[in-house]
Amino acid sequence: MAEHKHGTMDITVQEQTYTGFMTFVTRFCIAMVFFALFLAIFAT
């Protein structure tokens, strides 16, 4: 079995994926709030 040393793995790809995912979720939530406000104002 190979020896693993804690903290030696390159995680830049995982960090970029997480950052992209969080950006997407934030923008999606903001868009849904605006969409709900649009429906509340104009959909009567």
PDB file of N, CA and C in Angstrom:
ATOM      1  N   MET A   1       0.831  -1.180   0.000  1.00  0.00           N
ATOM      2  CA  MET A   1       0.000   0.000   0.000  1.00  0.00           C
ATOM      3  C   MET A   1       0.881   1.251   0.000  1.00  0.00           C
ATOM      4  N   ALA A   2       0.473   2.225  -0.765  1.00  0.00           N
ATOM      5  CA  ALA A   2       1.256   3.455  -0.851  1.00  0.00           C
ATOM      6  C   ALA A   2       1.044   4.302   0.401  1.00  0.00           C
ATOM      7  N   GLU A   3       2.095   4.981   0.774  1.00  0.00           N
ATOM      8  CA  GLU A   3       2.006   5.877   1.911  1.00  0.00           C
ATOM      9  C   GLU A   3       1.414   7.210   1.448  1.00  0.00           C
ATOM     10  N   HIS A   4       0.483   7.725   2.218  1.00  0.00           N
ATOM     11  CA  HIS A   4      -0.147   9.004   1.891  1.00  0.00           C
ATOM     12  C   HIS A   4       0.280  10.036   2.917  1.00  0.00           C
ATOM     13  N   LYS A   5       0.724  11.174   2.442  1.00  0.00           N
ATOM     14  CA  LYS A   5       1.102  12.261   3.337  1.00  0.00           C
ATOM     15  C   LYS A   5       0.026  13.322   3.263  1.00  0.00           C
ATOM     16  N   HIS A   6      -0.539  13.652   4.394  1.00  0.00           N
ATOM     17  CA  HIS A   6      -1.638  14.609   4.486  1.00  0.00           C
ATOM     18  C   HIS A   6      -1.214  15.971   3.947  1.00  0.00           C
ATOM     19  N   GLY A   7      -2.056  16.534   3.061  1.00  0.00           N
ATOM     20  CA  GLY A   7      -1.800  17.862   2.534  1.00  0.00           C
ATOM     21  C   GLY A   7      -0.944  17.900   1.287  1.00  0.00           C
ATOM     22  N   THR A   8      -0.651  16.763   0.680  1.00  0.00           N
ATOM     23  CA  THR A   8       0.215  16.758  -0.498  1.00  0.00           C
ATOM     24  C   THR A   8      -0.564  16.689  -1.809  1.00  0.00           C
ATOM     25  N   MET A   9      -1.857  16.464  -1.762  1.00  0.00           N
ATOM     26  CA  MET A   9      -2.644  16.338  -2.981  1.00  0.00           C
ATOM     27  C   MET A   9      -2.942  17.707  -3.586  1.00  0.00           C
ATOM     28  N   ASP A  10      -2.870  17.806  -4.908  1.00  0.00           N
ATOM     29  CA  ASP A  10      -3.202  19.044  -5.620  1.00  0.00           C
ATOM     30  C   ASP A  10      -4.726  19.125  -5.758  1.00  0.00           C
ATOM     31  N   ILE A  11      -5.326  20.132  -5.135  1.00  0.00           N
ATOM     32  CA  ILE A  11      -6.790  20.229  -5.140  1.00  0.00           C
ATOM     33  C   ILE A  11      -7.285  21.471  -5.876  1.00  0.00           C
ATOM     34  N   THR A  12      -6.469  22.014  -6.780  1.00  0.00           N
ATOM     35  CA  THR A  12      -6.884  23.231  -7.477  1.00  0.00           C
ATOM     36  C   THR A  12      -8.125  22.999  -8.336  1.00  0.00           C
ATOM     37  N   VAL A  13      -8.232  21.834  -8.964  1.00  0.00           N
ATOM     38  CA  VAL A  13      -9.400  21.542  -9.799  1.00  0.00           C
ATOM     39  C   VAL A  13     -10.658  21.464  -8.937  1.00  0.00           C
ATOM     40  N   GLN A  14     -10.570  20.815  -7.780  1.00  0.00           N
ATOM     41  CA  GLN A  14     -11.718  20.724  -6.886  1.00  0.00           C
ATOM     42  C   GLN A  14     -12.120  22.099  -6.372  1.00  0.00           C
ATOM     43  N   GLU A  15     -11.155  22.942  -6.063  1.00  0.00           N
ATOM     44  CA  GLU A  15     -11.460  24.292  -5.591  1.00  0.00           C
ATOM     45  C   GLU A  15     -12.144  25.111  -6.684  1.00  0.00           C
ATOM     46  N   GLN A  16     -11.690  24.991  -7.920  1.00  0.00           N
ATOM     47  CA  GLN A  16     -12.309  25.711  -9.030  1.00  0.00           C
ATOM     48  C   GLN A  16     -13.732  25.217  -9.270  1.00  0.00           C
ATOM     49  N   THR A  17     -13.940  23.906  -9.163  1.00  0.00           N
ATOM     50  CA  THR A  17     -15.277  23.346  -9.347  1.00  0.00           C
ATOM     51  C   THR A  17     -16.217  23.843  -8.263  1.00  0.00           C
ATOM     52  N   TYR A  18     -15.758  23.854  -7.019  1.00  0.00           N
ATOM     53  CA  TYR A  18     -16.577  24.333  -5.908  1.00  0.00           C
ATOM     54  C   TYR A  18     -16.902  25.812  -6.073  1.00  0.00           C
ATOM     55  N   THR A  19     -15.918  26.613  -6.459  1.00  0.00           N
ATOM     56  CA  THR A  19     -16.141  28.042  -6.664  1.00  0.00           C
ATOM     57  C   THR A  19     -17.157  28.272  -7.777  1.00  0.00           C
ATOM     58  N   GLY A  20     -17.031  27.536  -8.868  1.00  0.00           N
ATOM     59  CA  GLY A  20     -17.985  27.650  -9.965  1.00  0.00           C
ATOM     60  C   GLY A  20     -19.382  27.240  -9.562  1.00  0.00           C
ATOM     61  N   PHE A  21     -19.491  26.177  -8.792  1.00  0.00           N
ATOM     62  CA  PHE A  21     -20.790  25.703  -8.326  1.00  0.00           C
ATOM     63  C   PHE A  21     -21.449  26.729  -7.411  1.00  0.00           C
ATOM     64  N   MET A  22     -20.684  27.301  -6.494  1.00  0.00           N
ATOM     65  CA  MET A  22     -21.244  28.290  -5.581  1.00  0.00           C
ATOM     66  C   MET A  22     -21.659  29.556  -6.324  1.00  0.00           C
ATOM     67  N   THR A  23     -20.908  29.956  -7.340  1.00  0.00           N
ATOM     68  CA  THR A  23     -21.283  31.104  -8.160  1.00  0.00           C
ATOM     69  C   THR A  23     -22.596  30.828  -8.880  1.00  0.00           C
ATOM     70  N   PHE A  24     -22.721  29.631  -9.454  1.00  0.00           N
ATOM     71  CA  PHE A  24     -23.950  29.253 -10.145  1.00  0.00           C
ATOM     72  C   PHE A  24     -25.144  29.265  -9.201  1.00  0.00           C
ATOM     73  N   VAL A  25     -25.006  28.668  -8.031  1.00  0.00           N
ATOM     74  CA  VAL A  25     -26.110  28.600  -7.072  1.00  0.00           C
ATOM     75  C   VAL A  25     -26.513  30.000  -6.618  1.00  0.00           C
ATOM     76  N   THR A  26     -25.547  30.852  -6.350  1.00  0.00           N
ATOM     77  CA  THR A  26     -25.848  32.222  -5.918  1.00  0.00           C
ATOM     78  C   THR A  26     -26.607  32.974  -6.992  1.00  0.00           C
ATOM     79  N   ARG A  27     -26.122  32.917  -8.227  1.00  0.00           N
ATOM     80  CA  ARG A  27     -26.791  33.620  -9.322  1.00  0.00           C
ATOM     81  C   ARG A  27     -28.176  33.051  -9.587  1.00  0.00           C
ATOM     82  N   PHE A  28     -28.322  31.739  -9.489  1.00  0.00           N
ATOM     83  CA  PHE A  28     -29.615  31.105  -9.709  1.00  0.00           C
ATOM     84  C   PHE A  28     -30.624  31.553  -8.644  1.00  0.00           C
ATOM     85  N   CYS A  29     -30.189  31.610  -7.396  1.00  0.00           N
ATOM     86  CA  CYS A  29     -31.087  32.046  -6.316  1.00  0.00           C
ATOM     87  C   CYS A  29     -31.498  33.503  -6.497  1.00  0.00           C
ATOM     88  N   ILE A  30     -30.566  34.349  -6.882  1.00  0.00           N
ATOM     89  CA  ILE A  30     -30.899  35.751  -7.133  1.00  0.00           C
ATOM     90  C   ILE A  30     -31.891  35.860  -8.283  1.00  0.00           C
ATOM     91  N   ALA A  31     -31.676  35.097  -9.350  1.00  0.00           N
ATOM     92  CA  ALA A  31     -32.593  35.105 -10.487  1.00  0.00           C
ATOM     93  C   ALA A  31     -33.982  34.631 -10.073  1.00  0.00           C
ATOM     94  N   MET A  32     -34.068  33.627  -9.212  1.00  0.00           N
ATOM     95  CA  MET A  32     -35.372  33.130  -8.775  1.00  0.00           C
ATOM     96  C   MET A  32     -36.104  34.163  -7.926  1.00  0.00           C
ATOM     97  N   VAL A  33     -35.368  34.928  -7.120  1.00  0.00           N
ATOM     98  CA  VAL A  33     -35.991  35.986  -6.326  1.00  0.00           C
ATOM     99  C   VAL A  33     -36.573  37.051  -7.253  1.00  0.00           C
ATOM    100  N   PHE A  34     -35.803  37.468  -8.263  1.00  0.00           N
ATOM    101  CA  PHE A  34     -36.314  38.452  -9.214  1.00  0.00           C
ATOM    102  C   PHE A  34     -37.503  37.904 -10.001  1.00  0.00           C
ATOM    103  N   PHE A  35     -37.451  36.643 -10.372  1.00  0.00           N
ATOM    104  CA  PHE A  35     -38.560  36.025 -11.087  1.00  0.00           C
ATOM    105  C   PHE A  35     -39.814  35.986 -10.216  1.00  0.00           C
ATOM    106  N   ALA A  36     -39.664  35.643  -8.954  1.00  0.00           N
ATOM    107  CA  ALA A  36     -40.804  35.620  -8.040  1.00  0.00           C
ATOM    108  C   ALA A  36     -41.372  37.027  -7.851  1.00  0.00           C
ATOM    109  N   LEU A  37     -40.519  38.026  -7.739  1.00  0.00           N
ATOM    110  CA  LEU A  37     -40.992  39.398  -7.644  1.00  0.00           C
ATOM    111  C   LEU A  37     -41.716  39.833  -8.918  1.00  0.00           C
ATOM    112  N   PHE A  38     -41.192  39.451 -10.069  1.00  0.00           N
ATOM    113  CA  PHE A  38     -41.826  39.749 -11.341  1.00  0.00           C
ATOM    114  C   PHE A  38     -43.222  39.145 -11.399  1.00  0.00           C
ATOM    115  N   LEU A  39     -43.337  37.890 -10.993  1.00  0.00           N
ATOM    116  CA  LEU A  39     -44.648  37.232 -10.977  1.00  0.00           C
ATOM    117  C   LEU A  39     -45.594  37.894  -9.977  1.00  0.00           C
ATOM    118  N   ALA A  40     -45.073  38.287  -8.846  1.00  0.00           N
ATOM    119  CA  ALA A  40     -45.917  38.916  -7.828  1.00  0.00           C
ATOM    120  C   ALA A  40     -46.439  40.277  -8.295  1.00  0.00           C
ATOM    121  N   ILE A  41     -45.644  40.974  -9.081  1.00  0.00           N
ATOM    122  CA  ILE A  41     -46.050  42.313  -9.520  1.00  0.00           C
ATOM    123  C   ILE A  41     -46.936  42.249 -10.762  1.00  0.00           C
ATOM    124  N   PHE A  42     -46.572  41.453 -11.754  1.00  0.00           N
ATOM    125  CA  PHE A  42     -47.241  41.509 -13.045  1.00  0.00           C
ATOM    126  C   PHE A  42     -48.228  40.387 -13.307  1.00  0.00           C
ATOM    127  N   ALA A  43     -48.204  39.312 -12.594  1.00  0.00           N
ATOM    128  CA  ALA A  43     -49.118  38.189 -12.840  1.00  0.00           C
ATOM    129  C   ALA A  43     -50.318  38.301 -11.919  1.00  0.00           C
ATOM    130  N   THR A  44     -51.341  38.942 -12.417  1.00  0.00           N
ATOM    131  CA  THR A  44     -52.532  39.124 -11.594  1.00  0.00           C
ATOM    132  C   THR A  44     -53.697  38.339 -12.134  1.00  0.00           C
TER     133      THR A  44
END
